[in-house]
């Protein structure tokens, strides 16, 4: 679920979330409100923030009905590198 949100897969699924996008402080902000019952049990809202220069996700905050939230911040992202694993 979280990986789908971070990769953007969930943004395209209109059955899962209602999405509202806006530009705020130079960042793209997407407010996602769950539509499915199973998602509503987990989240009241999910907010994704993207850097428009790179189109990369910089943070994801998941809000619970009880008022709590979980924030995942992403920084120091490198693209185009050699990521082969040595096992």
N, C-alpha and C. Protein backbone atom coordinates (compact mmCIF):
# COMPACT_ATOMS: atom_id res chain seq x y z
N UNK A 1 0.82 -1.18 0.00
CA UNK A 1 0.00 0.00 0.00
C UNK A 1 0.87 1.26 0.00
N UNK A 2 1.82 1.33 0.94
CA UNK A 2 2.67 2.51 1.04
C UNK A 2 3.53 2.66 -0.21
N UNK A 3 4.04 1.56 -0.74
CA UNK A 3 4.85 1.65 -1.95
C UNK A 3 4.00 2.13 -3.13
N UNK A 4 2.76 1.68 -3.20
CA UNK A 4 1.87 2.14 -4.25
C UNK A 4 1.61 3.64 -4.16
N UNK A 5 1.49 4.14 -2.94
CA UNK A 5 1.33 5.59 -2.75
C UNK A 5 2.59 6.33 -3.17
N UNK A 6 3.74 5.82 -2.75
CA UNK A 6 5.00 6.49 -3.04
C UNK A 6 5.33 6.47 -4.53
N UNK A 7 5.00 5.38 -5.21
CA UNK A 7 5.28 5.28 -6.65
C UNK A 7 4.23 6.02 -7.47
N UNK A 8 3.07 6.29 -6.88
CA UNK A 8 2.02 7.00 -7.59
C UNK A 8 0.95 6.10 -8.16
N UNK A 9 1.07 4.79 -7.96
CA UNK A 9 0.08 3.86 -8.49
C UNK A 9 -1.33 4.17 -7.96
N UNK A 10 -1.41 4.51 -6.68
CA UNK A 10 -2.70 4.77 -6.04
C UNK A 10 -3.33 6.06 -6.56
N UNK A 11 -2.53 6.98 -7.09
CA UNK A 11 -3.08 8.22 -7.64
C UNK A 11 -3.99 7.94 -8.82
N UNK A 12 -3.70 6.90 -9.57
CA UNK A 12 -4.47 6.58 -10.76
C UNK A 12 -5.72 5.76 -10.46
N UNK A 13 -5.82 5.18 -9.27
CA UNK A 13 -6.95 4.33 -8.93
C UNK A 13 -8.08 5.17 -8.34
N UNK A 14 -9.01 5.56 -9.19
CA UNK A 14 -10.13 6.43 -8.77
C UNK A 14 -11.08 5.72 -7.81
N UNK A 15 -11.02 4.38 -7.74
CA UNK A 15 -11.88 3.64 -6.82
C UNK A 15 -11.35 3.70 -5.39
N UNK A 16 -10.05 3.91 -5.24
CA UNK A 16 -9.42 3.88 -3.91
C UNK A 16 -9.45 5.24 -3.22
N UNK A 17 -9.13 6.32 -3.95
CA UNK A 17 -9.01 7.64 -3.36
C UNK A 17 -9.64 8.71 -4.24
N UNK A 18 -10.11 9.77 -3.60
CA UNK A 18 -10.45 11.01 -4.28
C UNK A 18 -9.24 11.91 -4.12
N UNK A 19 -8.73 12.47 -5.22
CA UNK A 19 -7.49 13.25 -5.18
C UNK A 19 -7.76 14.71 -5.52
N UNK A 20 -7.09 15.59 -4.79
CA UNK A 20 -7.12 17.02 -5.08
C UNK A 20 -5.68 17.51 -5.07
N UNK A 21 -5.26 18.11 -6.18
CA UNK A 21 -3.88 18.59 -6.29
C UNK A 21 -3.85 20.10 -6.29
N UNK A 22 -2.76 20.64 -5.74
CA UNK A 22 -2.59 22.09 -5.72
C UNK A 22 -1.10 22.41 -5.64
N UNK A 23 -0.76 23.65 -5.97
CA UNK A 23 0.60 24.14 -5.83
C UNK A 23 0.66 24.95 -4.55
N UNK A 24 1.60 24.59 -3.67
CA UNK A 24 1.72 25.27 -2.38
C UNK A 24 3.20 25.41 -2.03
N UNK A 25 3.64 26.62 -1.79
CA UNK A 25 5.04 26.91 -1.44
C UNK A 25 6.01 26.30 -2.45
N UNK A 26 5.66 26.34 -3.73
CA UNK A 26 6.54 25.83 -4.77
C UNK A 26 6.57 24.32 -4.89
N UNK A 27 5.69 23.62 -4.18
CA UNK A 27 5.64 22.15 -4.24
C UNK A 27 4.26 21.72 -4.73
N UNK A 28 4.19 20.56 -5.36
CA UNK A 28 2.91 19.97 -5.72
C UNK A 28 2.40 19.20 -4.50
N UNK A 29 1.19 19.48 -4.08
CA UNK A 29 0.58 18.83 -2.93
C UNK A 29 -0.67 18.09 -3.42
N UNK A 30 -0.75 16.81 -3.08
CA UNK A 30 -1.91 16.00 -3.45
C UNK A 30 -2.57 15.51 -2.17
N UNK A 31 -3.82 15.94 -1.95
CA UNK A 31 -4.62 15.46 -0.82
C UNK A 31 -5.43 14.27 -1.31
N UNK A 32 -5.28 13.15 -0.64
CA UNK A 32 -5.97 11.92 -1.03
C UNK A 32 -6.94 11.52 0.09
N UNK A 33 -8.22 11.43 -0.24
CA UNK A 33 -9.23 11.01 0.71
C UNK A 33 -9.70 9.62 0.31
N UNK A 34 -9.63 8.65 1.25
CA UNK A 34 -10.01 7.28 0.88
C UNK A 34 -11.49 7.16 0.55
N UNK A 35 -11.78 6.31 -0.43
CA UNK A 35 -13.15 6.03 -0.84
C UNK A 35 -13.59 4.64 -0.38
N UNK A 36 -12.65 3.70 -0.38
CA UNK A 36 -12.99 2.33 0.00
C UNK A 36 -13.05 2.19 1.52
N UNK A 37 -13.93 1.34 1.99
CA UNK A 37 -14.13 1.13 3.42
C UNK A 37 -12.86 0.64 4.10
N UNK A 38 -12.14 -0.29 3.48
CA UNK A 38 -10.92 -0.81 4.10
C UNK A 38 -9.87 0.28 4.28
N UNK A 39 -9.78 1.21 3.34
CA UNK A 39 -8.82 2.31 3.44
C UNK A 39 -9.26 3.34 4.47
N UNK A 40 -10.56 3.56 4.56
CA UNK A 40 -11.10 4.51 5.54
C UNK A 40 -10.80 4.06 6.97
N UNK A 41 -10.70 2.74 7.17
CA UNK A 41 -10.35 2.22 8.50
C UNK A 41 -8.91 2.56 8.87
N UNK A 42 -8.04 2.71 7.87
CA UNK A 42 -6.63 3.00 8.12
C UNK A 42 -6.32 4.49 8.11
N UNK A 43 -6.93 5.24 7.19
CA UNK A 43 -6.57 6.64 7.00
C UNK A 43 -7.80 7.52 6.90
N UNK A 44 -7.70 8.74 7.41
CA UNK A 44 -8.73 9.73 7.12
C UNK A 44 -8.30 10.55 5.90
N UNK A 45 -6.98 10.66 5.72
CA UNK A 45 -6.43 11.42 4.60
C UNK A 45 -4.96 11.06 4.43
N UNK A 46 -4.47 11.13 3.20
CA UNK A 46 -3.05 10.97 2.90
C UNK A 46 -2.63 12.20 2.09
N UNK A 47 -1.52 12.81 2.48
CA UNK A 47 -1.02 13.99 1.77
C UNK A 47 0.35 13.66 1.19
N UNK A 48 0.47 13.79 -0.13
CA UNK A 48 1.73 13.57 -0.82
C UNK A 48 2.28 14.91 -1.29
N UNK A 49 3.58 15.13 -1.12
CA UNK A 49 4.21 16.36 -1.58
C UNK A 49 5.34 15.99 -2.54
N UNK A 50 5.30 16.61 -3.72
CA UNK A 50 6.27 16.34 -4.78
C UNK A 50 7.07 17.59 -5.09
N UNK A 51 8.33 17.41 -5.47
CA UNK A 51 9.17 18.49 -5.95
C UNK A 51 8.92 18.63 -7.45
N UNK A 52 8.39 19.77 -7.90
CA UNK A 52 8.09 19.90 -9.33
C UNK A 52 9.32 19.91 -10.23
N UNK A 53 10.49 20.23 -9.70
CA UNK A 53 11.70 20.24 -10.51
C UNK A 53 12.13 18.84 -10.90
N UNK A 54 11.93 17.88 -9.97
CA UNK A 54 12.37 16.51 -10.21
C UNK A 54 11.21 15.53 -10.39
N UNK A 55 10.00 15.97 -10.05
CA UNK A 55 8.79 15.12 -10.05
C UNK A 55 8.90 13.98 -9.05
N UNK A 56 9.80 14.10 -8.06
CA UNK A 56 9.97 13.05 -7.05
C UNK A 56 9.19 13.39 -5.79
N UNK A 57 8.72 12.35 -5.13
CA UNK A 57 8.03 12.49 -3.86
C UNK A 57 9.02 12.94 -2.80
N UNK A 58 8.67 13.97 -2.02
CA UNK A 58 9.55 14.42 -0.94
C UNK A 58 8.97 14.12 0.44
N UNK A 59 7.65 13.96 0.52
CA UNK A 59 7.08 13.53 1.80
C UNK A 59 5.69 12.94 1.60
N UNK A 60 5.33 12.09 2.55
CA UNK A 60 4.02 11.48 2.57
C UNK A 60 3.55 11.48 4.02
N UNK A 61 2.38 12.04 4.27
CA UNK A 61 1.83 12.03 5.63
C UNK A 61 0.48 11.34 5.60
N UNK A 62 0.33 10.36 6.49
CA UNK A 62 -0.89 9.58 6.58
C UNK A 62 -1.59 9.95 7.89
N UNK A 63 -2.84 10.40 7.78
CA UNK A 63 -3.60 10.84 8.94
C UNK A 63 -4.62 9.78 9.33
N UNK A 64 -4.70 9.48 10.64
CA UNK A 64 -5.67 8.53 11.15
C UNK A 64 -6.89 9.28 11.69
N UNK A 65 -8.01 8.56 11.79
CA UNK A 65 -9.24 9.14 12.31
C UNK A 65 -9.08 9.66 13.74
N UNK A 66 -8.22 9.05 14.54
CA UNK A 66 -8.06 9.44 15.94
C UNK A 66 -7.22 10.70 16.12
N UNK A 67 -6.77 11.29 15.01
CA UNK A 67 -5.97 12.51 15.07
C UNK A 67 -4.48 12.28 14.95
N UNK A 68 -4.04 11.05 15.04
CA UNK A 68 -2.62 10.74 14.89
C UNK A 68 -2.20 10.79 13.43
N UNK A 69 -0.90 10.85 13.19
CA UNK A 69 -0.41 10.83 11.82
C UNK A 69 0.98 10.22 11.77
N UNK A 70 1.35 9.77 10.59
CA UNK A 70 2.68 9.24 10.32
C UNK A 70 3.26 10.02 9.15
N UNK A 71 4.45 10.59 9.34
CA UNK A 71 5.11 11.37 8.30
C UNK A 71 6.35 10.62 7.83
N UNK A 72 6.46 10.45 6.53
CA UNK A 72 7.65 9.87 5.92
C UNK A 72 8.27 10.96 5.05
N UNK A 73 9.48 11.39 5.39
CA UNK A 73 10.19 12.41 4.63
C UNK A 73 11.31 11.74 3.84
N UNK A 74 11.46 12.17 2.61
CA UNK A 74 12.44 11.56 1.71
C UNK A 74 13.42 12.65 1.27
N UNK A 75 14.71 12.42 1.50
CA UNK A 75 15.70 13.40 1.07
C UNK A 75 16.95 12.68 0.57
N UNK A 76 17.85 13.44 0.01
CA UNK A 76 19.11 12.92 -0.52
C UNK A 76 18.89 11.80 -1.53
N UNK A 77 17.93 12.02 -2.42
CA UNK A 77 17.62 11.03 -3.44
C UNK A 77 18.62 11.16 -4.59
N UNK A 78 19.17 10.04 -5.02
CA UNK A 78 20.07 10.01 -6.16
C UNK A 78 19.40 9.22 -7.27
N UNK A 79 19.46 9.76 -8.46
CA UNK A 79 18.87 9.06 -9.60
C UNK A 79 19.97 8.77 -10.62
N UNK A 80 19.73 7.76 -11.44
CA UNK A 80 20.65 7.44 -12.52
C UNK A 80 21.92 6.73 -12.07
N UNK A 81 21.94 6.24 -10.84
CA UNK A 81 23.13 5.57 -10.35
C UNK A 81 23.15 4.09 -10.68
N UNK A 82 24.21 3.44 -10.31
CA UNK A 82 24.35 2.00 -10.50
C UNK A 82 23.92 1.33 -9.19
N UNK A 83 22.76 0.68 -9.22
CA UNK A 83 22.19 0.13 -8.00
C UNK A 83 22.21 -1.40 -7.99
N UNK A 84 23.13 -2.00 -8.66
CA UNK A 84 23.22 -3.45 -8.66
C UNK A 84 23.60 -3.95 -7.28
N UNK A 85 22.91 -4.97 -6.84
CA UNK A 85 23.19 -5.55 -5.52
C UNK A 85 24.33 -6.54 -5.60
N UNK A 86 25.12 -6.55 -4.56
CA UNK A 86 26.18 -7.55 -4.45
C UNK A 86 25.73 -8.54 -3.38
N UNK A 87 25.32 -9.72 -3.79
CA UNK A 87 24.81 -10.72 -2.83
C UNK A 87 25.83 -11.78 -2.64
